[in-house]
Amino acid sequence: MAPSPRAASPELESMMKESADAVNKTIRHLLPESDLPEAPLYEAMRYGTLNGGKRLRPFMVCQAAKLFGVDEMRARRTAAALECLHSYSLIHDDLPAMDNADTRRGKPSTHVEFDEATAILAGDALLTFAFEVLSNEETHADPRVRIELVNMLAVAAGGHGMVGGQMLDLIGEGEEFDLGTISRMQRMKTGKLMAFACESGAVLGKAGEVFRRALRNYAYDLGLAFQVTDDVLDVEESPSVLGKPANQDEAAGKSTFVSTMGKEQAKQRAEMLVEQAVRHLHVFDGRADTLIELAYYVLERRA
């Protein structure tokens, strides 16, 4: 992919790793090992959430929250809740009835490591656990903030968000989508959770609508750029680099940005979306530089 006009700083990956370590620590605390008879469920939940990954969405939560001086523990709990929900979606996506993927992040998928029934239950439990964490007063003392977080995540993850987008993705295996439908599908599948990631930081900080809208629009554009880049990587990179099977979309006959626009035009679209995302952050007058760098990181990532 062509180099961006402003490359991500060398410090960004270090910041992301530090953030990922902190969120992983929070998840381990929230999901301790169990000696109960149903312990295999908790083992599968931990396996599905603590199996690597850059923790991009949690990083967005924490960085957005930092803009408004939010307590780090509250931000990490919100980030952990989002990651539990995101992990549930990956566990279910990998199932034979969905993408039928045997690997995730370079490791056996949860249904391969355990079994299909346990993977389904682990995903179900992680989904509901995300709302349990958000609704707990440790996440925020103000119940109105907690209610808004729960509502926002439910909308982002449900039929009008991630799950609805996944349904469109399945329909797309038998139909050829135009660019508008593909964009809508990916906005639902990817953009809605990224929008929650950024806007939740503003909700925790009780920020005004101007800042909330800026973060929301940034996340929508970045989420679409992320998916365009993902489509490009699916045809360019090997499974060893991706940590999952390559060329899955082409094998399933799905309409993607690459299949619809061609690889080079898709790359140009990703660059345009990133520049558009960055412009939304000008309202922060230089205080959102890390989120700006993150946008270019998404453009340049190789996995």
Protein backbone atom coordinates (compact mmCIF):
# COMPACT_ATOMS: atom_id res chain seq x y z
CA MET A 1 0.00 0.00 0.00
CA ALA A 2 1.32 3.46 -0.84
CA PRO A 3 2.92 5.29 2.07
CA SER A 4 0.64 7.74 3.82
CA PRO A 5 1.46 11.46 3.96
CA ARG A 6 1.94 11.13 7.70
CA ALA A 7 3.23 7.80 8.96
CA ALA A 8 2.43 6.46 12.41
CA SER A 9 5.08 7.29 15.01
CA PRO A 10 7.50 4.59 16.24
CA GLU A 11 6.01 4.98 19.71
CA LEU A 12 2.49 4.01 18.68
CA GLU A 13 2.94 0.24 18.70
CA SER A 14 4.58 0.49 22.12
CA MET A 15 1.59 2.47 23.39
CA MET A 16 -0.79 -0.08 21.88
CA LYS A 17 1.07 -2.96 23.50
CA GLU A 18 1.02 -1.25 26.88
CA SER A 19 -2.70 -0.62 26.50
CA ALA A 20 -3.34 -4.22 25.39
CA ASP A 21 -1.44 -5.56 28.39
CA ALA A 22 -3.50 -3.39 30.74
CA VAL A 23 -6.80 -4.45 29.15
CA ASN A 24 -5.75 -8.12 29.20
CA LYS A 25 -4.98 -7.77 32.89
CA THR A 26 -8.46 -6.33 33.42
CA ILE A 27 -10.06 -9.20 31.48
CA ARG A 28 -8.13 -11.76 33.54
CA HIS A 29 -9.38 -10.05 36.70
CA LEU A 30 -12.97 -9.99 35.43
CA LEU A 31 -12.80 -13.59 34.15
CA PRO A 32 -10.82 -15.55 36.76
CA GLU A 33 -10.12 -19.25 36.40
CA SER A 34 -12.81 -21.46 37.92
CA ASP A 35 -12.91 -24.80 39.73
CA LEU A 36 -16.68 -25.15 39.35
CA PRO A 37 -18.13 -28.09 37.38
CA GLU A 38 -18.83 -25.69 34.49
CA ALA A 39 -15.17 -24.60 34.45
CA PRO A 40 -14.70 -25.59 30.76
CA LEU A 41 -17.04 -22.73 29.86
CA TYR A 42 -14.85 -20.18 31.66
CA GLU A 43 -11.72 -21.74 30.18
CA ALA A 44 -13.19 -21.31 26.69
CA MET A 45 -14.23 -17.72 27.49
CA ARG A 46 -10.70 -16.89 28.59
CA TYR A 47 -9.24 -18.68 25.58
CA GLY A 48 -11.45 -16.75 23.20
CA THR A 49 -10.58 -13.36 24.69
CA LEU A 50 -6.94 -13.79 25.75
CA ASN A 51 -5.59 -15.35 22.55
CA GLY A 52 -3.62 -12.39 21.26
CA GLY A 53 -4.60 -9.50 19.03
CA LYS A 54 -3.61 -5.84 19.03
CA ARG A 55 -6.71 -4.75 20.99
CA LEU A 56 -7.43 -1.94 18.54
CA ARG A 57 -10.93 -1.21 19.82
CA PRO A 58 -9.93 -1.14 23.51
CA PHE A 59 -7.09 1.20 22.58
CA MET A 60 -9.61 3.52 20.95
CA VAL A 61 -11.76 3.47 24.10
CA CYS A 62 -8.83 4.38 26.32
CA GLN A 63 -7.45 7.09 24.03
CA ALA A 64 -10.87 8.72 23.59
CA ALA A 65 -11.46 8.59 27.35
CA LYS A 66 -8.08 10.23 27.95
CA LEU A 67 -9.24 13.28 25.97
CA PHE A 68 -11.77 13.98 28.74
CA GLY A 69 -9.71 13.04 31.80
CA VAL A 70 -11.63 9.82 32.49
CA ASP A 71 -10.35 7.56 35.25
CA GLU A 72 -8.17 4.85 33.66
CA MET A 73 -9.87 2.00 35.53
CA ARG A 74 -13.28 3.02 34.19
CA ALA A 75 -11.90 3.26 30.67
CA ARG A 76 -10.25 -0.17 30.95
CA ARG A 77 -13.45 -1.78 32.22
CA THR A 78 -15.37 -0.32 29.28
CA ALA A 79 -12.62 -1.45 26.92
CA ALA A 80 -12.66 -4.95 28.42
CA ALA A 81 -16.44 -5.17 28.03
CA LEU A 82 -16.16 -4.20 24.37
CA GLU A 83 -13.38 -6.74 23.83
CA CYS A 84 -15.48 -9.49 25.42
CA LEU A 85 -18.29 -8.70 23.00
CA HIS A 86 -15.92 -8.48 20.05
CA SER A 87 -14.37 -11.82 21.03
CA TYR A 88 -17.81 -13.44 21.20
CA SER A 89 -18.41 -12.35 17.60
CA LEU A 90 -15.10 -13.85 16.47
CA ILE A 91 -15.80 -17.15 18.23
CA HIS A 92 -19.17 -17.40 16.47
CA ASP A 93 -17.80 -16.17 13.12
CA ASP A 94 -15.27 -19.00 13.09
CA LEU A 95 -17.89 -21.72 13.55
CA PRO A 96 -18.55 -24.18 10.69
CA ALA A 97 -22.02 -22.67 10.18
CA MET A 98 -20.46 -19.26 9.55
CA ASP A 99 -16.91 -18.76 8.19
CA ASN A 100 -15.71 -22.28 9.09
CA ALA A 101 -12.25 -21.01 10.10
CA ASP A 102 -9.92 -23.36 11.95
CA THR A 103 -7.48 -20.69 13.10
CA ARG A 104 -7.72 -17.28 14.74
CA ARG A 105 -4.72 -15.06 15.50
CA GLY A 106 -2.42 -17.95 14.57
CA LYS A 107 -4.02 -20.35 17.06
CA PRO A 108 -6.78 -22.96 16.80
CA SER A 109 -10.23 -21.38 16.81
CA THR A 110 -12.24 -21.83 19.99
CA HIS A 111 -14.48 -24.53 18.51
CA VAL A 112 -11.38 -26.43 17.37
CA GLU A 113 -9.60 -26.10 20.72
CA PHE A 114 -12.75 -27.16 22.62
CA ASP A 115 -15.85 -28.17 20.63
CA GLU A 116 -18.67 -26.44 18.78
CA ALA A 117 -21.19 -26.53 21.62
CA THR A 118 -18.70 -25.10 24.13
CA ALA A 119 -17.69 -22.39 21.64
CA ILE A 120 -21.33 -21.36 21.16
CA LEU A 121 -21.88 -21.18 24.91
CA ALA A 122 -18.62 -19.29 25.47
CA GLY A 123 -19.70 -16.72 22.88
CA ASP A 124 -23.14 -16.41 24.46
CA ALA A 125 -21.59 -15.94 27.89
CA LEU A 126 -19.11 -13.31 26.67
CA LEU A 127 -21.89 -11.35 24.99
CA THR A 128 -23.98 -11.14 28.15
CA PHE A 129 -20.91 -10.62 30.34
CA ALA A 130 -20.06 -7.45 28.41
CA PHE A 131 -23.31 -5.86 29.59
CA GLU A 132 -22.78 -7.16 33.12
CA VAL A 133 -19.48 -5.28 33.23
CA LEU A 134 -20.88 -2.06 31.76
CA SER A 135 -23.86 -2.01 34.12
CA ASN A 136 -21.68 -2.43 37.23
CA GLU A 137 -21.18 0.75 39.26
CA GLU A 138 -17.40 0.23 39.16
CA THR A 139 -17.56 1.18 35.49
CA HIS A 140 -19.12 4.55 36.37
CA ALA A 141 -20.78 5.98 39.47
CA ASP A 142 -23.51 7.70 37.45
CA PRO A 143 -26.26 5.18 36.51
CA ARG A 144 -27.26 7.36 33.54
CA VAL A 145 -23.80 6.93 32.08
CA ARG A 146 -23.96 3.16 32.59
CA ILE A 147 -27.41 2.95 30.99
CA GLU A 148 -26.22 4.94 27.99
CA LEU A 149 -23.16 2.70 27.56
CA VAL A 150 -25.35 -0.43 27.70
CA ASN A 151 -27.80 1.02 25.19
CA MET A 152 -25.06 2.18 22.81
CA LEU A 153 -23.32 -1.19 22.80
CA ALA A 154 -26.60 -3.08 22.36
CA VAL A 155 -27.45 -0.98 19.30
CA ALA A 156 -23.93 -1.27 17.88
CA ALA A 157 -23.85 -5.05 18.30
CA GLY A 158 -27.41 -6.03 17.41
CA GLY A 159 -29.61 -6.32 14.33
CA HIS A 160 -29.00 -2.71 13.27
CA GLY A 161 -25.26 -3.12 13.82
CA MET A 162 -22.74 -5.96 13.86
CA VAL A 163 -25.19 -8.88 13.75
CA GLY A 164 -27.24 -7.29 10.98
CA GLY A 165 -24.04 -6.68 9.03
CA GLN A 166 -23.08 -10.32 9.47
CA MET A 167 -26.47 -11.34 8.06
CA LEU A 168 -25.80 -9.18 5.00
CA ASP A 169 -22.40 -10.85 4.74
CA LEU A 170 -24.06 -14.28 4.59
CA ILE A 171 -26.60 -13.07 2.03
CA GLY A 172 -23.69 -11.75 -0.02
CA GLU A 173 -22.42 -15.28 -0.57
CA GLY A 174 -25.32 -15.80 -2.97
CA GLU A 175 -25.78 -12.29 -4.32
CA GLU A 176 -23.53 -9.69 -5.92
CA PHE A 177 -23.61 -6.46 -3.92
CA ASP A 178 -22.99 -2.99 -5.28
CA LEU A 179 -20.52 -0.64 -3.61
CA GLY A 180 -23.22 1.10 -1.58
CA THR A 181 -24.48 -2.15 -0.09
CA ILE A 182 -20.95 -3.32 0.69
CA SER A 183 -20.22 -0.01 2.43
CA ARG A 184 -23.43 -0.26 4.47
CA MET A 185 -22.66 -3.86 5.42
CA GLN A 186 -19.17 -3.00 6.63
CA ARG A 187 -20.38 0.11 8.46
CA MET A 188 -22.70 -2.21 10.38
CA LYS A 189 -20.19 -5.05 10.86
CA THR A 190 -17.13 -3.00 11.76
CA GLY A 191 -17.96 0.69 11.98
CA LYS A 192 -20.65 0.49 14.65
CA LEU A 193 -18.37 -1.18 17.23
CA MET A 194 -15.55 1.22 16.42
CA ALA A 195 -17.98 4.11 16.85
CA PHE A 196 -18.91 2.73 20.26
CA ALA A 197 -15.22 2.43 21.13
CA CYS A 198 -14.58 6.11 20.49
CA GLU A 199 -17.87 7.58 21.64
CA SER A 200 -17.87 5.57 24.87
CA GLY A 201 -14.81 7.51 25.99
CA ALA A 202 -16.77 10.72 25.53
CA VAL A 203 -19.79 9.26 27.36
CA LEU A 204 -17.59 8.29 30.31
CA GLY A 205 -16.31 11.87 30.36
CA LYS A 206 -19.79 13.39 29.92
CA ALA A 207 -18.53 15.29 26.88
CA GLY A 208 -20.69 17.52 24.68
CA GLU A 209 -22.30 16.53 21.39
CA VAL A 210 -19.69 18.32 19.25
CA PHE A 211 -16.93 16.08 20.57
CA ARG A 212 -19.10 12.97 20.55
CA ARG A 213 -20.07 13.53 16.92
CA ALA A 214 -16.45 14.13 15.90
CA LEU A 215 -15.32 10.87 17.50
CA ARG A 216 -18.28 8.96 16.09
CA ASN A 217 -17.65 10.19 12.54
CA TYR A 218 -13.92 9.53 12.87
CA ALA A 219 -14.66 5.96 13.90
CA TYR A 220 -17.13 5.35 11.08
CA ASP A 221 -14.63 6.44 8.44
CA LEU A 222 -11.79 4.58 10.13
CA GLY A 223 -13.91 1.44 10.45
CA LEU A 224 -14.61 1.49 6.73
CA ALA A 225 -10.91 2.08 5.97
CA PHE A 226 -10.09 -0.84 8.28
CA GLN A 227 -12.40 -3.13 6.33
CA VAL A 228 -11.13 -1.99 2.92
CA THR A 229 -7.59 -2.69 4.13
CA ASP A 230 -8.74 -6.06 5.46
CA ASP A 231 -10.13 -6.96 2.03
CA VAL A 232 -6.79 -6.01 0.44
CA LEU A 233 -4.81 -8.03 2.97
CA ASP A 234 -7.06 -11.04 2.37
CA VAL A 235 -5.78 -11.25 -1.22
CA GLU A 236 -2.21 -10.04 -0.61
CA GLU A 237 -0.98 -11.74 2.55
CA SER A 238 -0.39 -15.36 3.51
CA PRO A 239 -2.20 -17.19 6.34
CA SER A 240 1.03 -17.15 8.38
CA VAL A 241 1.05 -13.34 8.29
CA LEU A 242 -2.70 -12.91 8.78
CA GLY A 243 -2.98 -15.49 11.57
CA LYS A 244 -6.10 -16.87 9.85
CA PRO A 245 -6.98 -18.41 6.47
CA ALA A 246 -6.44 -16.16 3.44
CA ASN A 247 -8.71 -15.64 0.42
CA GLN A 248 -11.76 -16.63 2.47
CA ASP A 249 -14.03 -14.03 0.90
CA GLU A 250 -13.13 -15.02 -2.66
CA ALA A 251 -13.61 -18.72 -1.85
CA ALA A 252 -17.05 -17.97 -0.41
CA GLY A 253 -18.02 -15.85 -3.42
CA LYS A 254 -18.54 -12.73 -1.32
CA SER A 255 -18.68 -9.22 -2.70
CA THR A 256 -15.85 -7.13 -1.25
CA PHE A 257 -14.28 -3.76 -1.93
CA VAL A 258 -11.50 -5.53 -3.84
CA SER A 259 -13.84 -7.68 -5.95
CA THR A 260 -16.02 -4.66 -6.75
CA MET A 261 -13.43 -1.90 -7.21
CA GLY A 262 -10.19 -3.72 -7.90
CA LYS A 263 -7.22 -3.78 -5.56
CA GLU A 264 -5.63 -0.46 -6.53
CA GLN A 265 -8.86 1.51 -6.34
CA ALA A 266 -9.61 -0.12 -3.00
CA LYS A 267 -6.25 1.06 -1.67
CA GLN A 268 -6.98 4.59 -2.85
CA ARG A 269 -10.37 4.47 -1.17
CA ALA A 270 -8.77 3.41 2.12
CA GLU A 271 -6.37 6.35 1.93
CA MET A 272 -9.23 8.76 1.23
CA LEU A 273 -11.25 7.41 4.17
CA VAL A 274 -8.31 7.78 6.55
CA GLU A 275 -7.75 11.40 5.51
CA GLN A 276 -11.46 12.01 6.00
CA ALA A 277 -11.37 10.37 9.44
CA VAL A 278 -8.45 12.56 10.52
CA ARG A 279 -10.26 15.75 9.53
CA HIS A 280 -13.04 15.00 12.01
CA LEU A 281 -10.49 15.28 14.85
CA HIS A 282 -9.50 18.89 14.11
CA VAL A 283 -12.08 19.96 16.69
CA PHE A 284 -9.66 18.74 19.39
CA ASP A 285 -6.96 21.28 18.43
CA GLY A 286 -4.03 18.86 18.48
CA ARG A 287 -5.08 16.88 21.57
CA ALA A 288 -6.07 13.82 19.50
CA ASP A 289 -2.72 13.19 17.81
CA THR A 290 -2.61 9.58 18.98
CA LEU A 291 -5.95 8.83 17.32
CA ILE A 292 -4.65 10.53 14.17
CA GLU A 293 -1.57 8.31 14.21
CA LEU A 294 -3.79 5.30 14.79
CA ALA A 295 -5.68 6.09 11.58
CA TYR A 296 -2.47 5.91 9.55
CA TYR A 297 -1.49 2.74 11.39
CA VAL A 298 -4.75 1.12 10.24
CA LEU A 299 -3.88 2.10 6.68
CA GLU A 300 -0.38 0.62 6.87
CA ARG A 301 -1.05 -2.54 8.88
CA ARG A 302 -0.07 -5.89 7.40
CA ALA A 303 -2.27 -8.16 9.54
